[in-house]
Amino acid sequence: FFDPLNSVTMPVHVSHKGRVAILRMESGPVNALSQELRHAIADSIQKVQVQDNVGAIVLTGARSMFSAGADIQEFAGHDASNPPMLPTVCEIIEECPKPVVAAIQGTALGGGLEIALACDHRVASKDAKLGLPEVRIGLIPGSGGTQRLPRLVGVQKALEMIVTGKWTTAAKAEKTKLVDVVTVGDVEAEAVAYAQRLADSKAPKRRCSDMAAKPNALVFAMARKQAKAAAKGLAAPMRCIDAVEWATKVKSFKQGLDKEAQIFQELFVSTEAKALQHIFFAERAALKVPGAA
């Protein structure tokens, strides 16, 4: 059993400033969401949330990096399914009784952005990159991204990000409510000050799961038309649209998560996803070969 609150070797370092607990991810160069890091995040949240001297929490990353998302190596070995799985970590963050602020610098991509969406508020550096690129490896976001993002920014913007897999900057994202505060200064310090104000005012939680995703038949019809023309027969873009549309149809947030998980699993075992992931690994391997073009 490990205690990330008392061990300097664990991938989450915990400190306090005023009534704010600061959880800093410190796992390799990009804070890839390995099982060890997932475990440490969940464990740290659960411990600081019951401390009487903590009124709010900041989740951030070391080395000017929030998180580049899932540990893609785990996909090949199926370690991504080892507990706690990322959807569970996101649920723990969202259900934390105290406000959680994500302090985003560098990148928040894939699972990294899904963790940020599970937080109540997001403070980001102006040039931080945010996105959900899972479609590029034949998948949909599988940790609540298809359900939380449309509730927060609306279905049109959510579809643009999820179906194309393209990232956006925090400066642009601020206009869509994806980011609450954009700063050119010290992101962590700004987030701590923001969290301290939440603690002082005893601000209520602001969960994406409590928001409503408004249906828009015209937007979904246009998205399908565009995806069909651009996807060249690939299934993932169309299934991304299906998952986002479920966010507007379900009676409960959990039903939406269940549908997202179902679609994700169907794609995960598909030939299409395996082929796209094979290409992804091959391209990465080529970059490591001396003299490769």
C-alpha atoms as a PDB file:
ATOM      1  CA  PHE A   1       0.000   0.000   0.000  1.00  0.00           C
ATOM      2  CA  PHE A   2       1.397   3.395  -0.895  1.00  0.00           C
ATOM      3  CA  ASP A   3       0.698   6.808   0.541  1.00  0.00           C
ATOM      4  CA  PRO A   4       1.222   9.575  -2.024  1.00  0.00           C
ATOM      5  CA  LEU A   5       0.791  12.163   0.703  1.00  0.00           C
ATOM      6  CA  ASN A   6       3.906  10.987   2.501  1.00  0.00           C
ATOM      7  CA  SER A   7       6.155   9.609  -0.232  1.00  0.00           C
ATOM      8  CA  VAL A   8       8.349  11.773  -2.436  1.00  0.00           C
ATOM      9  CA  THR A   9       8.745   8.890  -4.869  1.00  0.00           C
ATOM     10  CA  MET A  10       5.094   8.682  -5.828  1.00  0.00           C
ATOM     11  CA  PRO A  11       3.846  10.223  -9.105  1.00  0.00           C
ATOM     12  CA  VAL A  12       1.603  12.758  -7.328  1.00  0.00           C
ATOM     13  CA  HIS A  13       3.174  15.293  -4.972  1.00  0.00           C
ATOM     14  CA  VAL A  14       0.832  16.912  -2.462  1.00  0.00           C
ATOM     15  CA  SER A  15       1.397  20.284  -0.814  1.00  0.00           C
ATOM     16  CA  HIS A  16      -0.790  22.915   0.829  1.00  0.00           C
ATOM     17  CA  LYS A  17      -1.121  26.674   0.556  1.00  0.00           C
ATOM     18  CA  GLY A  18      -3.710  28.257   2.787  1.00  0.00           C
ATOM     19  CA  ARG A  19      -6.843  26.155   2.512  1.00  0.00           C
ATOM     20  CA  VAL A  20      -5.868  24.782  -0.890  1.00  0.00           C
ATOM     21  CA  ALA A  21      -4.384  21.323  -1.434  1.00  0.00           C
ATOM     22  CA  ILE A  22      -2.116  21.227  -4.502  1.00  0.00           C
ATOM     23  CA  LEU A  23      -1.836  17.872  -6.274  1.00  0.00           C
ATOM     24  CA  ARG A  24       1.035  17.928  -8.752  1.00  0.00           C
ATOM     25  CA  MET A  25       1.376  15.061 -11.230  1.00  0.00           C
ATOM     26  CA  GLU A  26       5.047  14.126 -11.595  1.00  0.00           C
ATOM     27  CA  SER A  27       5.178  11.124 -13.889  1.00  0.00           C
ATOM     28  CA  GLY A  28       7.711  11.255 -16.682  1.00  0.00           C
ATOM     29  CA  PRO A  29       7.947  13.952 -19.306  1.00  0.00           C
ATOM     30  CA  VAL A  30       4.259  14.173 -20.256  1.00  0.00           C
ATOM     31  CA  ASN A  31       2.344  12.767 -17.251  1.00  0.00           C
ATOM     32  CA  ALA A  32       0.969   9.868 -19.288  1.00  0.00           C
ATOM     33  CA  LEU A  33      -1.925   8.364 -17.345  1.00  0.00           C
ATOM     34  CA  SER A  34      -0.386   5.016 -16.426  1.00  0.00           C
ATOM     35  CA  GLN A  35      -1.972   2.768 -13.823  1.00  0.00           C
ATOM     36  CA  GLU A  36       0.469   4.094 -11.224  1.00  0.00           C
ATOM     37  CA  LEU A  37      -0.462   7.711 -11.920  1.00  0.00           C
ATOM     38  CA  ARG A  38      -4.196   6.934 -12.057  1.00  0.00           C
ATOM     39  CA  HIS A  39      -3.950   5.215  -8.694  1.00  0.00           C
ATOM     40  CA  ALA A  40      -2.009   8.096  -7.177  1.00  0.00           C
ATOM     41  CA  ILE A  41      -4.466  10.745  -8.416  1.00  0.00           C
ATOM     42  CA  ALA A  42      -7.473   8.844  -7.072  1.00  0.00           C
ATOM     43  CA  ASP A  43      -5.807   8.083  -3.755  1.00  0.00           C
ATOM     44  CA  SER A  44      -4.618  11.659  -3.257  1.00  0.00           C
ATOM     45  CA  ILE A  45      -8.032  13.157  -4.017  1.00  0.00           C
ATOM     46  CA  GLN A  46      -9.745  10.787  -1.613  1.00  0.00           C
ATOM     47  CA  LYS A  47      -7.307  11.661   1.161  1.00  0.00           C
ATOM     48  CA  VAL A  48      -7.233  15.447   0.909  1.00  0.00           C
ATOM     49  CA  GLN A  49     -10.992  15.761   0.443  1.00  0.00           C
ATOM     50  CA  VAL A  50     -11.582  14.666   4.052  1.00  0.00           C
ATOM     51  CA  GLN A  51      -9.003  17.022   5.573  1.00  0.00           C
ATOM     52  CA  ASP A  52     -10.676  19.780   7.582  1.00  0.00           C
ATOM     53  CA  ASN A  53      -8.019  22.340   6.621  1.00  0.00           C
ATOM     54  CA  VAL A  54      -8.687  21.858   2.896  1.00  0.00           C
ATOM     55  CA  GLY A  55     -11.417  23.936   1.293  1.00  0.00           C
ATOM     56  CA  ALA A  56     -10.494  23.414  -2.355  1.00  0.00           C
ATOM     57  CA  ILE A  57      -8.056  21.418  -4.488  1.00  0.00           C
ATOM     58  CA  VAL A  58      -5.798  22.267  -7.422  1.00  0.00           C
ATOM     59  CA  LEU A  59      -4.739  19.494  -9.806  1.00  0.00           C
ATOM     60  CA  THR A  60      -1.734  20.345 -11.956  1.00  0.00           C
ATOM     61  CA  GLY A  61       1.301  18.844 -13.631  1.00  0.00           C
ATOM     62  CA  ALA A  62       5.030  19.252 -13.141  1.00  0.00           C
ATOM     63  CA  ARG A  63       7.499  20.436 -15.803  1.00  0.00           C
ATOM     64  CA  SER A  64       4.975  22.744 -17.476  1.00  0.00           C
ATOM     65  CA  MET A  65       2.853  19.770 -18.533  1.00  0.00           C
ATOM     66  CA  PHE A  66      -0.656  18.864 -17.416  1.00  0.00           C
ATOM     67  CA  SER A  67      -1.129  15.489 -19.127  1.00  0.00           C
ATOM     68  CA  ALA A  68      -0.762  14.242 -22.683  1.00  0.00           C
ATOM     69  CA  GLY A  69      -3.356  11.548 -21.996  1.00  0.00           C
ATOM     70  CA  ALA A  70      -3.409   7.782 -21.757  1.00  0.00           C
ATOM     71  CA  ASP A  71      -0.213   5.767 -21.654  1.00  0.00           C
ATOM     72  CA  ILE A  72      -0.470   4.444 -25.203  1.00  0.00           C
ATOM     73  CA  GLN A  73       1.894   1.579 -24.361  1.00  0.00           C
ATOM     74  CA  GLU A  74      -0.790   0.225 -22.032  1.00  0.00           C
ATOM     75  CA  PHE A  75      -3.132  -0.169 -24.988  1.00  0.00           C
ATOM     76  CA  ALA A  76      -0.847  -2.783 -26.493  1.00  0.00           C
ATOM     77  CA  GLY A  77      -0.574  -4.696 -23.218  1.00  0.00           C
ATOM     78  CA  HIS A  78      -4.171  -4.078 -22.096  1.00  0.00           C
ATOM     79  CA  ASP A  79      -2.864  -2.524 -18.861  1.00  0.00           C
ATOM     80  CA  ALA A  80      -5.240   0.416 -19.407  1.00  0.00           C
ATOM     81  CA  SER A  81      -7.986  -1.831 -18.029  1.00  0.00           C
ATOM     82  CA  ASN A  82      -6.159  -2.374 -14.726  1.00  0.00           C
ATOM     83  CA  PRO A  83      -7.854  -0.570 -11.841  1.00  0.00           C
ATOM     84  CA  PRO A  84      -8.428   2.172 -11.288  1.00  0.00           C
ATOM     85  CA  MET A  85      -9.493   2.755 -14.861  1.00  0.00           C
ATOM     86  CA  LEU A  86      -9.552   6.348 -16.044  1.00  0.00           C
ATOM     87  CA  PRO A  87     -13.367   6.704 -15.997  1.00  0.00           C
ATOM     88  CA  THR A  88     -13.257   5.775 -12.303  1.00  0.00           C
ATOM     89  CA  VAL A  89     -10.572   8.382 -11.610  1.00  0.00           C
ATOM     90  CA  CYS A  90     -12.669  11.024 -13.380  1.00  0.00           C
ATOM     91  CA  GLU A  91     -15.693  10.020 -11.289  1.00  0.00           C
ATOM     92  CA  ILE A  92     -13.658  10.325  -8.071  1.00  0.00           C
ATOM     93  CA  ILE A  93     -12.538  13.830  -9.070  1.00  0.00           C
ATOM     94  CA  GLU A  94     -16.048  14.915 -10.022  1.00  0.00           C
ATOM     95  CA  GLU A  95     -17.648  13.452  -6.905  1.00  0.00           C
ATOM     96  CA  CYS A  96     -15.099  15.060  -4.583  1.00  0.00           C
ATOM     97  CA  PRO A  97     -17.197  17.212  -2.204  1.00  0.00           C
ATOM     98  CA  LYS A  98     -14.769  20.134  -2.489  1.00  0.00           C
ATOM     99  CA  PRO A  99     -14.171  22.247  -5.613  1.00  0.00           C
ATOM    100  CA  VAL A 100     -11.350  20.961  -7.818  1.00  0.00           C
ATOM    101  CA  VAL A 101      -9.497  23.353 -10.134  1.00  0.00           C
ATOM    102  CA  ALA A 102      -7.370  22.064 -13.012  1.00  0.00           C
ATOM    103  CA  ALA A 103      -4.247  24.168 -13.609  1.00  0.00           C
ATOM    104  CA  ILE A 104      -3.401  23.467 -17.243  1.00  0.00           C
ATOM    105  CA  GLN A 105      -0.126  24.251 -18.954  1.00  0.00           C
ATOM    106  CA  GLY A 106       1.563  22.491 -21.822  1.00  0.00           C
ATOM    107  CA  THR A 107      -1.060  20.043 -23.043  1.00  0.00           C
ATOM    108  CA  ALA A 108      -4.261  18.459 -21.813  1.00  0.00           C
ATOM    109  CA  LEU A 109      -4.997  15.899 -24.489  1.00  0.00           C
ATOM    110  CA  GLY A 110      -7.216  12.824 -24.540  1.00  0.00           C
ATOM    111  CA  GLY A 111      -7.488  11.458 -21.034  1.00  0.00           C
ATOM    112  CA  GLY A 112      -5.660  14.541 -19.794  1.00  0.00           C
ATOM    113  CA  LEU A 113      -8.505  16.766 -20.967  1.00  0.00           C
ATOM    114  CA  GLU A 114     -11.062  14.275 -19.655  1.00  0.00           C
ATOM    115  CA  ILE A 115      -9.512  14.629 -16.198  1.00  0.00           C
ATOM    116  CA  ALA A 116      -9.694  18.421 -16.542  1.00  0.00           C
ATOM    117  CA  LEU A 117     -13.362  18.136 -17.554  1.00  0.00           C
ATOM    118  CA  ALA A 118     -14.028  16.149 -14.379  1.00  0.00           C
ATOM    119  CA  CYS A 119     -12.739  19.130 -12.386  1.00  0.00           C
ATOM    120  CA  ASP A 120     -15.127  21.951 -11.490  1.00  0.00           C
ATOM    121  CA  HIS A 121     -13.024  24.754 -12.969  1.00  0.00           C
ATOM    122  CA  ARG A 122     -10.102  25.120 -15.369  1.00  0.00           C
ATOM    123  CA  VAL A 123      -7.312  27.705 -15.312  1.00  0.00           C
ATOM    124  CA  ALA A 124      -4.880  27.525 -18.239  1.00  0.00           C
ATOM    125  CA  SER A 125      -1.870  29.196 -19.778  1.00  0.00           C
ATOM    126  CA  LYS A 126      -2.673  31.136 -22.934  1.00  0.00           C
ATOM    127  CA  ASP A 127      -0.823  28.719 -25.212  1.00  0.00           C
ATOM    128  CA  ALA A 128      -1.920  25.466 -23.540  1.00  0.00           C
ATOM    129  CA  LYS A 129      -3.225  22.885 -26.000  1.00  0.00           C
ATOM    130  CA  LEU A 130      -6.497  21.084 -25.286  1.00  0.00           C
ATOM    131  CA  GLY A 131      -8.036  18.310 -27.345  1.00  0.00           C
ATOM    132  CA  LEU A 132      -9.558  14.855 -27.636  1.00  0.00           C
ATOM    133  CA  PRO A 133      -7.602  13.099 -30.439  1.00  0.00           C
ATOM    134  CA  GLU A 134      -8.811   9.531 -29.818  1.00  0.00           C
ATOM    135  CA  VAL A 135     -10.585   9.373 -33.193  1.00  0.00           C
ATOM    136  CA  ARG A 136      -7.161   9.336 -34.856  1.00  0.00           C
ATOM    137  CA  ILE A 137      -6.461   5.883 -33.433  1.00  0.00           C
ATOM    138  CA  GLY A 138      -9.934   4.571 -34.231  1.00  0.00           C
ATOM    139  CA  LEU A 139     -11.565   5.283 -30.871  1.00  0.00           C
ATOM    140  CA  ILE A 140     -13.868   7.734 -29.124  1.00  0.00           C
ATOM    141  CA  PRO A 141     -13.013   9.474 -25.857  1.00  0.00           C
ATOM    142  CA  GLY A 142     -13.734   6.787 -23.278  1.00  0.00           C
ATOM    143  CA  SER A 143     -13.577   8.550 -19.910  1.00  0.00           C
ATOM    144  CA  GLY A 144     -16.567  10.853 -20.093  1.00  0.00           C
ATOM    145  CA  GLY A 145     -15.301  13.215 -22.778  1.00  0.00           C
ATOM    146  CA  THR A 146     -18.269  12.639 -25.106  1.00  0.00           C
ATOM    147  CA  GLN A 147     -20.654  13.337 -22.235  1.00  0.00           C
ATOM    148  CA  ARG A 148     -19.007  16.151 -20.275  1.00  0.00           C
ATOM    149  CA  LEU A 149     -17.722  18.291 -23.154  1.00  0.00           C
ATOM    150  CA  PRO A 150     -21.098  18.856 -24.904  1.00  0.00           C
ATOM    151  CA  ARG A 151     -22.660  19.703 -21.544  1.00  0.00           C
ATOM    152  CA  LEU A 152     -19.978  22.317 -20.939  1.00  0.00           C
ATOM    153  CA  VAL A 153     -19.421  23.909 -24.359  1.00  0.00           C
ATOM    154  CA  GLY A 154     -22.467  22.833 -26.384  1.00  0.00           C
ATOM    155  CA  VAL A 155     -22.834  20.086 -28.966  1.00  0.00           C
ATOM    156  CA  GLN A 156     -21.490  22.024 -31.958  1.00  0.00           C
ATOM    157  CA  LYS A 157     -18.104  22.845 -30.406  1.00  0.00           C
ATOM    158  CA  ALA A 158     -17.896  19.403 -28.810  1.00  0.00           C
ATOM    159  CA  LEU A 159     -18.450  17.742 -32.177  1.00  0.00           C
ATOM    160  CA  GLU A 160     -15.800  19.923 -33.819  1.00  0.00           C
ATOM    161  CA  MET A 161     -13.215  18.829 -31.260  1.00  0.00           C
ATOM    162  CA  ILE A 162     -14.160  15.159 -30.887  1.00  0.00           C
ATOM    163  CA  VAL A 163     -14.944  14.195 -34.496  1.00  0.00           C
ATOM    164  CA  THR A 164     -11.839  15.844 -35.981  1.00  0.00           C
ATOM    165  CA  GLY A 165      -9.509  15.112 -33.081  1.00  0.00           C
ATOM    166  CA  LYS A 166      -7.964  18.559 -33.509  1.00  0.00           C
ATOM    167  CA  TRP A 167      -6.681  20.480 -30.511  1.00  0.00           C
ATOM    168  CA  THR A 168      -7.382  24.091 -29.635  1.00  0.00           C
ATOM    169  CA  THR A 169      -5.546  26.645 -27.532  1.00  0.00           C
ATOM    170  CA  ALA A 170      -6.737  27.828 -24.147  1.00  0.00           C
ATOM    171  CA  ALA A 171      -7.047  31.360 -25.525  1.00  0.00           C
ATOM    172  CA  LYS A 172      -9.642  30.132 -28.019  1.00  0.00           C
ATOM    173  CA  ALA A 173     -11.228  27.704 -25.551  1.00  0.00           C
ATOM    174  CA  GLU A 174     -11.997  30.488 -23.074  1.00  0.00           C
ATOM    175  CA  LYS A 175     -14.677  31.744 -25.455  1.00  0.00           C
ATOM    176  CA  THR A 176     -16.464  28.369 -25.284  1.00  0.00           C
ATOM    177  CA  LYS A 177     -16.451  28.045 -21.456  1.00  0.00           C
ATOM    178  CA  LEU A 178     -14.019  25.134 -21.685  1.00  0.00           C
ATOM    179  CA  VAL A 179     -11.547  27.286 -19.748  1.00  0.00           C
ATOM    180  CA  ASP A 180     -12.572  29.673 -16.966  1.00  0.00           C
ATOM    181  CA  VAL A 181      -9.385  31.715 -16.705  1.00  0.00           C
ATOM    182  CA  VAL A 182      -6.539  32.182 -19.186  1.00  0.00           C
ATOM    183  CA  THR A 183      -3.281  33.595 -17.900  1.00  0.00           C
ATOM    184  CA  VAL A 184       0.119  34.553 -19.269  1.00  0.00           C
ATOM    185  CA  GLY A 185       1.607  34.319 -15.789  1.00  0.00           C
ATOM    186  CA  ASP A 186       2.190  31.477 -13.325  1.00  0.00           C
ATOM    187  CA  VAL A 187      -0.648  29.048 -13.988  1.00  0.00           C
ATOM    188  CA  GLU A 188      -0.344  27.162 -10.720  1.00  0.00           C
ATOM    189  CA  ALA A 189      -0.265  30.366  -8.655  1.00  0.00           C
ATOM    190  CA  GLU A 190      -3.296  31.713 -10.539  1.00  0.00           C
ATOM    191  CA  ALA A 191      -5.173  28.446  -9.987  1.00  0.00           C
ATOM    192  CA  VAL A 192      -4.313  28.394  -6.275  1.00  0.00           C
ATOM    193  CA  ALA A 193      -5.595  31.961  -5.858  1.00  0.00           C
ATOM    194  CA  TYR A 194      -8.749  31.004  -7.786  1.00  0.00           C
ATOM    195  CA  ALA A 195      -9.241  27.920  -5.591  1.00  0.00           C
ATOM    196  CA  GLN A 196      -8.647  29.951  -2.432  1.00  0.00           C
ATOM    197  CA  ARG A 197     -11.472  32.303  -3.450  1.00  0.00           C
ATOM    198  CA  LEU A 198     -13.726  29.283  -3.962  1.00  0.00           C
ATOM    199  CA  ALA A 199     -12.805  27.969  -0.520  1.00  0.00           C
ATOM    200  CA  ASP A 200     -13.303  31.340   1.173  1.00  0.00           C
ATOM    201  CA  SER A 201     -16.738  31.810  -0.388  1.00  0.00           C
ATOM    202  CA  LYS A 202     -17.702  28.173   0.218  1.00  0.00           C
ATOM    203  CA  ALA A 203     -18.590  27.945  -3.446  1.00  0.00           C
ATOM    204  CA  PRO A 204     -20.714  24.964  -4.470  1.00  0.00           C
ATOM    205  CA  LYS A 205     -19.513  22.245  -6.800  1.00  0.00           C
ATOM    206  CA  ARG A 206     -19.886  22.886 -10.535  1.00  0.00           C
ATOM    207  CA  ARG A 207     -20.012  19.456 -12.121  1.00  0.00           C
ATOM    208  CA  CYS A 208     -20.342  19.018 -15.877  1.00  0.00           C
ATOM    209  CA  SER A 209     -22.552  16.021 -15.131  1.00  0.00           C
ATOM    210  CA  ASP A 210     -25.137  18.363 -13.578  1.00  0.00           C
ATOM    211  CA  MET A 211     -25.387  20.402 -16.776  1.00  0.00           C
ATOM    212  CA  ALA A 212     -27.663  19.680 -19.717  1.00  0.00           C
ATOM    213  CA  ALA A 213     -26.566  19.029 -23.296  1.00  0.00           C
ATOM    214  CA  LYS A 214     -29.134  20.681 -25.520  1.00  0.00           C
ATOM    215  CA  PRO A 215     -30.274  18.678 -28.568  1.00  0.00           C
ATOM    216  CA  ASN A 216     -29.815  20.169 -32.025  1.00  0.00           C
ATOM    217  CA  ALA A 217     -30.957  17.922 -34.871  1.00  0.00           C
ATOM    218  CA  LEU A 218     -29.576  20.235 -37.574  1.00  0.00           C
ATOM    219  CA  VAL A 219     -26.087  20.288 -36.035  1.00  0.00           C
ATOM    220  CA  PHE A 220     -25.980  16.491 -35.808  1.00  0.00           C
ATOM    221  CA  ALA A 221     -27.247  16.089 -39.370  1.00  0.00           C
ATOM    222  CA  MET A 222     -24.573  18.443 -40.683  1.00  0.00           C
ATOM    223  CA  ALA A 223     -21.896  16.720 -38.603  1.00  0.00           C
ATOM    224  CA  ARG A 224     -22.820  13.329 -40.062  1.00  0.00           C
ATOM    225  CA  LYS A 225     -22.811  14.706 -43.592  1.00  0.00           C
ATOM    226  CA  GLN A 226     -19.366  16.251 -43.129  1.00  0.00           C
ATOM    227  CA  ALA A 227     -17.956  13.201 -41.364  1.00  0.00           C
ATOM    228  CA  LYS A 228     -19.222  10.851 -44.048  1.00  0.00           C
ATOM    229  CA  ALA A 229     -17.450  12.892 -46.703  1.00  0.00           C
ATOM    230  CA  ALA A 230     -14.195  13.237 -44.758  1.00  0.00           C
ATOM    231  CA  ALA A 231     -13.965   9.912 -42.921  1.00  0.00           C
ATOM    232  CA  LYS A 232     -13.544   7.752 -46.040  1.00  0.00           C
ATOM    233  CA  GLY A 233     -15.425   4.825 -44.558  1.00  0.00           C
ATOM    234  CA  LEU A 234     -13.872   4.951 -41.084  1.00  0.00           C
ATOM    235  CA  ALA A 235     -16.287   4.107 -38.290  1.00  0.00           C
ATOM    236  CA  ALA A 236     -14.828   6.121 -35.414  1.00  0.00           C
ATOM    237  CA  PRO A 237     -15.871   9.621 -36.575  1.00  0.00           C
ATOM    238  CA  MET A 238     -19.508   8.530 -36.975  1.00  0.00           C
ATOM    239  CA  ARG A 239     -19.461   6.771 -33.609  1.00  0.00           C
ATOM    240  CA  CYS A 240     -18.100   9.950 -32.023  1.00  0.00           C
ATOM    241  CA  ILE A 241     -21.202  11.724 -33.268  1.00  0.00           C
ATOM    242  CA  ASP A 242     -23.420   8.947 -31.938  1.00  0.00           C
ATOM    243  CA  ALA A 243     -21.826   9.204 -28.492  1.00  0.00           C
ATOM    244  CA  VAL A 244     -22.181  12.985 -28.302  1.00  0.00           C
ATOM    245  CA  GLU A 245     -25.805  12.749 -29.433  1.00  0.00           C
ATOM    246  CA  TRP A 246     -26.503  10.322 -26.596  1.00  0.00           C
ATOM    247  CA  ALA A 247     -25.538  13.112 -24.189  1.00  0.00           C
ATOM    248  CA  THR A 248     -28.632  14.989 -25.412  1.00  0.00           C
ATOM    249  CA  LYS A 249     -30.946  11.974 -25.191  1.00  0.00           C
ATOM    250  CA  VAL A 250     -30.231  10.156 -21.933  1.00  0.00           C
ATOM    251  CA  LYS A 251     -32.213  10.741 -18.764  1.00  0.00           C
ATOM    252  CA  SER A 252     -29.152  10.429 -16.543  1.00  0.00           C
ATOM    253  CA  PHE A 253     -25.457  11.163 -16.883  1.00  0.00           C
ATOM    254  CA  LYS A 254     -24.643   7.570 -15.979  1.00  0.00           C
ATOM    255  CA  GLN A 255     -26.675   6.311 -18.935  1.00  0.00           C
ATOM    256  CA  GLY A 256     -24.559   8.480 -21.183  1.00  0.00           C
ATOM    257  CA  LEU A 257     -21.351   7.111 -19.670  1.00  0.00           C
ATOM    258  CA  ASP A 258     -22.617   3.572 -20.132  1.00  0.00           C
ATOM    259  CA  LYS A 259     -23.342   4.236 -23.817  1.00  0.00           C
ATOM    260  CA  GLU A 260     -19.937   5.845 -24.281  1.00  0.00           C
ATOM    261  CA  ALA A 261     -18.268   2.801 -22.685  1.00  0.00           C
ATOM    262  CA  GLN A 262     -20.206   0.461 -24.966  1.00  0.00           C
ATOM    263  CA  ILE A 263     -19.192   2.315 -28.123  1.00  0.00           C
ATOM    264  CA  PHE A 264     -15.584   2.611 -26.935  1.00  0.00           C
ATOM    265  CA  GLN A 265     -15.340  -1.120 -26.327  1.00  0.00           C
ATOM    266  CA  GLU A 266     -16.856  -1.952 -29.713  1.00  0.00           C
ATOM    267  CA  LEU A 267     -14.278   0.225 -31.428  1.00  0.00           C
ATOM    268  CA  PHE A 268     -11.409  -0.910 -29.207  1.00  0.00           C
ATOM    269  CA  VAL A 269     -11.647  -4.502 -30.465  1.00  0.00           C
ATOM    270  CA  SER A 270     -12.286  -3.495 -34.076  1.00  0.00           C
ATOM    271  CA  THR A 271      -9.902  -4.166 -36.936  1.00  0.00           C
ATOM    272  CA  GLU A 272      -9.995  -0.481 -37.810  1.00  0.00           C
ATOM    273  CA  ALA A 273      -8.725   0.634 -34.386  1.00  0.00           C
ATOM    274  CA  LYS A 274      -6.023  -2.028 -34.322  1.00  0.00           C
ATOM    275  CA  ALA A 275      -4.817  -0.958 -37.774  1.00  0.00           C
ATOM    276  CA  LEU A 276      -4.715   2.745 -36.875  1.00  0.00           C
ATOM    277  CA  GLN A 277      -2.889   1.983 -33.626  1.00  0.00           C
ATOM    278  CA  HIS A 278      -0.411  -0.196 -35.512  1.00  0.00           C
ATOM    279  CA  ILE A 279       0.312   2.748 -37.802  1.00  0.00           C
ATOM    280  CA  PHE A 280       0.670   5.019 -34.783  1.00  0.00           C
ATOM    281  CA  PHE A 281       3.234   2.714 -33.141  1.00  0.00           C
ATOM    282  CA  ALA A 282       5.080   2.216 -36.423  1.00  0.00           C
ATOM    283  CA  GLU A 283       5.392   5.961 -36.985  1.00  0.00           C
ATOM    284  CA  ARG A 284       6.683   6.466 -33.440  1.00  0.00           C
ATOM    285  CA  ALA A 285       9.182   3.654 -33.847  1.00  0.00           C
ATOM    286  CA  ALA A 286      10.432   5.165 -37.117  1.00  0.00           C
ATOM    287  CA  LEU A 287      11.160   8.431 -35.318  1.00  0.00           C
ATOM    288  CA  LYS A 288      13.473   6.555 -32.976  1.00  0.00           C
ATOM    289  CA  VAL A 289      15.473   4.827 -35.714  1.00  0.00           C
ATOM    290  CA  PRO A 290      18.721   6.688 -36.499  1.00  0.00           C
ATOM    291  CA  GLY A 291      18.773   7.808 -40.102  1.00  0.00           C
ATOM    292  CA  ALA A 292      15.053   7.107 -40.664  1.00  0.00           C
ATOM    293  CA  ALA A 293      13.407   9.481 -43.117  1.00  0.00           C
END
